[in-house]
C-alpha cells in the first residue's frame, strides 16, 4: 500500500507542496539550519567516540600497571 508512495510523480508533488508551504525564500535558511544541525550532531558523535576511546585506554593502562607489580613479586624459579 505504501510501497508506491515515494515513486515517480509522488516525489515531485511532495516537493511542490513543501515549496508552497515554506516559500522559496525560507527554503535556503531551512537547508542551512539542517546542515548546521547535521554538522553539530556529527561533531558530538566524534567527540563522544574519542572520549570513550580515551577512557578505555586509561582503564587498560591502570589494569596493566596493577598486573606488573604482582608478576614481579612471584619468582619464576619456584614452581
N, C-alpha and C. Protein backbone atom coordinates (compact mmCIF):
# COMPACT_ATOMS: atom_id res chain seq x y z
N UNK A 1 0.82 -1.19 0.00
CA UNK A 1 0.00 0.00 0.00
C UNK A 1 0.87 1.26 0.00
N UNK A 2 1.87 1.31 0.89
CA UNK A 2 2.73 2.48 0.96
C UNK A 2 3.98 2.34 0.09
N UNK A 3 4.14 1.21 -0.59
CA UNK A 3 5.31 0.98 -1.42
C UNK A 3 5.41 1.96 -2.57
N UNK A 4 4.27 2.40 -3.11
CA UNK A 4 4.27 3.33 -4.24
C UNK A 4 4.20 4.79 -3.82
N UNK A 5 4.31 5.06 -2.55
CA UNK A 5 4.16 6.42 -2.05
C UNK A 5 5.29 7.34 -2.53
N UNK A 6 6.52 6.84 -2.55
CA UNK A 6 7.66 7.68 -2.92
C UNK A 6 8.23 7.28 -4.27
N UNK A 7 7.40 7.21 -5.26
CA UNK A 7 7.89 6.86 -6.60
C UNK A 7 7.37 7.88 -7.61
N UNK A 8 8.22 8.16 -8.57
CA UNK A 8 7.82 8.99 -9.71
C UNK A 8 7.25 10.34 -9.35
N UNK A 9 6.02 10.57 -9.75
CA UNK A 9 5.36 11.87 -9.60
C UNK A 9 5.05 12.21 -8.15
N UNK A 10 4.97 11.23 -7.30
CA UNK A 10 4.67 11.50 -5.89
C UNK A 10 5.73 12.39 -5.26
N UNK A 11 6.99 12.11 -5.59
CA UNK A 11 8.08 12.91 -5.02
C UNK A 11 7.96 14.37 -5.48
N UNK A 12 7.68 14.57 -6.77
CA UNK A 12 7.54 15.93 -7.29
C UNK A 12 6.38 16.67 -6.65
N UNK A 13 5.29 15.96 -6.40
CA UNK A 13 4.13 16.59 -5.76
C UNK A 13 4.46 16.98 -4.32
N UNK A 14 5.16 16.10 -3.62
CA UNK A 14 5.55 16.40 -2.23
C UNK A 14 6.49 17.60 -2.19
N UNK A 15 7.46 17.66 -3.11
CA UNK A 15 8.38 18.81 -3.16
C UNK A 15 7.63 20.10 -3.48
N UNK A 16 6.66 20.06 -4.38
CA UNK A 16 5.86 21.23 -4.71
C UNK A 16 5.07 21.72 -3.50
N UNK A 17 4.52 20.80 -2.74
CA UNK A 17 3.77 21.17 -1.53
C UNK A 17 4.70 21.82 -0.51
N UNK A 18 5.90 21.28 -0.37
CA UNK A 18 6.87 21.86 0.58
C UNK A 18 7.24 23.28 0.17
N UNK A 19 7.47 23.48 -1.13
CA UNK A 19 7.81 24.83 -1.61
C UNK A 19 6.66 25.79 -1.37
N UNK A 20 5.44 25.33 -1.59
CA UNK A 20 4.29 26.20 -1.37
C UNK A 20 4.09 26.52 0.11
N UNK A 21 4.34 25.55 0.98
CA UNK A 21 4.15 25.77 2.41
C UNK A 21 5.21 26.71 2.99
N UNK A 22 6.46 26.45 2.66
CA UNK A 22 7.54 27.22 3.27
C UNK A 22 7.94 28.44 2.47
N UNK A 23 7.64 28.45 1.21
CA UNK A 23 8.03 29.57 0.37
C UNK A 23 9.46 29.44 -0.09
N UNK A 24 9.74 29.95 -1.25
CA UNK A 24 11.09 29.83 -1.82
C UNK A 24 12.12 30.62 -1.03
N UNK A 25 11.71 31.65 -0.33
CA UNK A 25 12.67 32.46 0.42
C UNK A 25 13.12 31.77 1.71
N UNK A 26 12.29 30.93 2.29
CA UNK A 26 12.64 30.26 3.55
C UNK A 26 13.43 28.98 3.33
N UNK A 27 13.33 28.39 2.17
CA UNK A 27 13.98 27.09 1.95
C UNK A 27 15.50 27.13 2.10
N UNK A 28 16.21 28.14 1.59
CA UNK A 28 17.67 28.16 1.82
C UNK A 28 18.03 28.25 3.31
N UNK A 29 17.30 29.02 4.06
CA UNK A 29 17.57 29.11 5.50
C UNK A 29 17.27 27.78 6.19
N UNK A 30 16.21 27.13 5.77
CA UNK A 30 15.87 25.82 6.33
C UNK A 30 16.96 24.80 6.02
N UNK A 31 17.44 24.79 4.77
CA UNK A 31 18.50 23.87 4.38
C UNK A 31 19.79 24.17 5.14
N UNK A 32 20.09 25.45 5.34
CA UNK A 32 21.30 25.84 6.07
C UNK A 32 21.21 25.37 7.52
N UNK A 33 20.08 25.54 8.15
CA UNK A 33 19.94 25.12 9.55
C UNK A 33 20.01 23.61 9.68
N UNK A 34 19.48 22.88 8.71
CA UNK A 34 19.58 21.41 8.74
C UNK A 34 21.04 21.00 8.58
N UNK A 35 21.77 21.67 7.69
CA UNK A 35 23.20 21.37 7.52
C UNK A 35 24.00 21.64 8.77
N UNK A 36 23.73 22.75 9.44
CA UNK A 36 24.43 23.08 10.69
C UNK A 36 24.11 22.05 11.77
N UNK A 37 22.86 21.66 11.86
CA UNK A 37 22.46 20.67 12.85
C UNK A 37 23.16 19.34 12.59
N UNK A 38 23.27 18.97 11.33
CA UNK A 38 23.94 17.72 10.97
C UNK A 38 25.42 17.78 11.34
N UNK A 39 26.08 18.92 11.06
CA UNK A 39 27.49 19.07 11.42
C UNK A 39 27.69 18.99 12.92
N UNK A 40 26.83 19.64 13.68
CA UNK A 40 26.94 19.60 15.15
C UNK A 40 26.75 18.18 15.66
N UNK A 41 25.77 17.48 15.10
CA UNK A 41 25.49 16.11 15.52
C UNK A 41 26.70 15.21 15.24
N UNK A 42 27.29 15.31 14.05
CA UNK A 42 28.46 14.50 13.71
C UNK A 42 29.64 14.83 14.61
N UNK A 43 29.82 16.12 14.93
CA UNK A 43 30.91 16.54 15.81
C UNK A 43 30.75 15.93 17.20
N UNK A 44 29.54 15.96 17.73
CA UNK A 44 29.28 15.40 19.06
C UNK A 44 29.50 13.89 19.07
N UNK A 45 29.09 13.22 18.01
CA UNK A 45 29.31 11.77 17.91
C UNK A 45 30.80 11.47 17.91
N UNK A 46 31.57 12.21 17.11
CA UNK A 46 33.01 12.01 17.02
C UNK A 46 33.67 12.26 18.37
N UNK A 47 33.29 13.34 19.06
CA UNK A 47 33.87 13.64 20.38
C UNK A 47 33.51 12.58 21.41
N UNK A 48 32.30 12.06 21.33
CA UNK A 48 31.89 11.00 22.25
C UNK A 48 32.70 9.74 22.05
N UNK A 49 32.97 9.40 20.78
CA UNK A 49 33.79 8.22 20.49
C UNK A 49 35.22 8.41 20.98
N UNK A 50 35.76 9.62 20.81
CA UNK A 50 37.12 9.90 21.28
C UNK A 50 37.20 9.81 22.80
N UNK A 51 36.16 10.30 23.49
CA UNK A 51 36.14 10.21 24.95
C UNK A 51 36.06 8.76 25.40
N UNK A 52 35.27 7.94 24.70
CA UNK A 52 35.17 6.53 25.05
C UNK A 52 36.51 5.82 24.86
N UNK A 53 37.18 6.13 23.74
CA UNK A 53 38.49 5.51 23.49
C UNK A 53 39.50 5.93 24.54
N UNK A 54 39.48 7.20 24.94
CA UNK A 54 40.41 7.68 25.95
C UNK A 54 40.14 7.02 27.30
N UNK A 55 38.87 6.85 27.63
CA UNK A 55 38.51 6.20 28.90
C UNK A 55 38.94 4.74 28.90
N UNK A 56 38.77 4.05 27.78
CA UNK A 56 39.20 2.66 27.70
C UNK A 56 40.71 2.54 27.77
N UNK A 57 41.43 3.47 27.14
CA UNK A 57 42.89 3.45 27.20
C UNK A 57 43.37 3.68 28.62
N UNK A 58 42.74 4.60 29.33
CA UNK A 58 43.12 4.86 30.72
C UNK A 58 42.82 3.65 31.59
N UNK A 59 41.71 3.02 31.34
CA UNK A 59 41.32 1.85 32.12
C UNK A 59 42.29 0.70 31.87
N UNK A 60 42.68 0.47 30.63
CA UNK A 60 43.60 -0.61 30.32
C UNK A 60 45.00 -0.32 30.86
N UNK A 61 45.42 0.95 30.88
CA UNK A 61 46.73 1.27 31.43
C UNK A 61 46.75 1.06 32.94
N UNK A 62 45.64 1.34 33.61
CA UNK A 62 45.57 1.09 35.06
C UNK A 62 45.62 -0.41 35.34
N UNK A 63 44.95 -1.19 34.51
CA UNK A 63 44.94 -2.64 34.68
C UNK A 63 46.34 -3.20 34.47
N UNK A 64 47.05 -2.71 33.45
CA UNK A 64 48.41 -3.17 33.19
C UNK A 64 49.35 -2.76 34.31
N UNK A 65 49.17 -1.58 34.86
CA UNK A 65 50.03 -1.10 35.94
C UNK A 65 49.83 -1.95 37.19
N UNK A 66 48.62 -2.39 37.45
CA UNK A 66 48.35 -3.24 38.62
C UNK A 66 48.90 -4.64 38.40
N UNK A 67 48.89 -5.15 37.20
CA UNK A 67 49.33 -6.51 36.91
C UNK A 67 50.85 -6.64 36.96
N UNK A 68 51.58 -5.63 36.60
CA UNK A 68 53.04 -5.71 36.55
C UNK A 68 53.68 -5.93 37.92
N UNK A 69 53.32 -5.22 38.99
CA UNK A 69 53.97 -5.47 40.29
C UNK A 69 53.68 -6.87 40.81
N UNK A 70 52.52 -7.40 40.59
CA UNK A 70 52.19 -8.74 41.06
C UNK A 70 53.03 -9.79 40.39
N UNK A 71 53.35 -9.61 39.13
CA UNK A 71 54.16 -10.58 38.39
C UNK A 71 55.61 -10.53 38.88
N UNK A 72 56.09 -9.39 39.32
CA UNK A 72 57.48 -9.25 39.79
C UNK A 72 57.63 -9.86 41.19
N UNK A 73 56.56 -9.94 41.97
CA UNK A 73 56.64 -10.47 43.33
C UNK A 73 56.87 -11.97 43.35
N UNK A 74 56.37 -12.67 42.34
CA UNK A 74 56.49 -14.13 42.31
C UNK A 74 57.72 -14.52 41.51
N UNK A 75 58.66 -15.20 42.12
CA UNK A 75 59.83 -15.61 41.36
C UNK A 75 59.48 -16.74 40.40
N UNK A 76 60.11 -16.75 39.26
CA UNK A 76 59.84 -17.77 38.24
C UNK A 76 60.49 -19.08 38.59
N UNK A 77 61.47 -19.09 39.50
CA UNK A 77 62.17 -20.31 39.85
C UNK A 77 61.31 -21.26 40.66
N UNK A 78 60.42 -20.75 41.48
CA UNK A 78 59.61 -21.59 42.36
C UNK A 78 58.31 -21.96 41.67
N UNK A 79 58.27 -23.15 41.17
CA UNK A 79 57.04 -23.64 40.54
C UNK A 79 56.66 -24.95 41.13
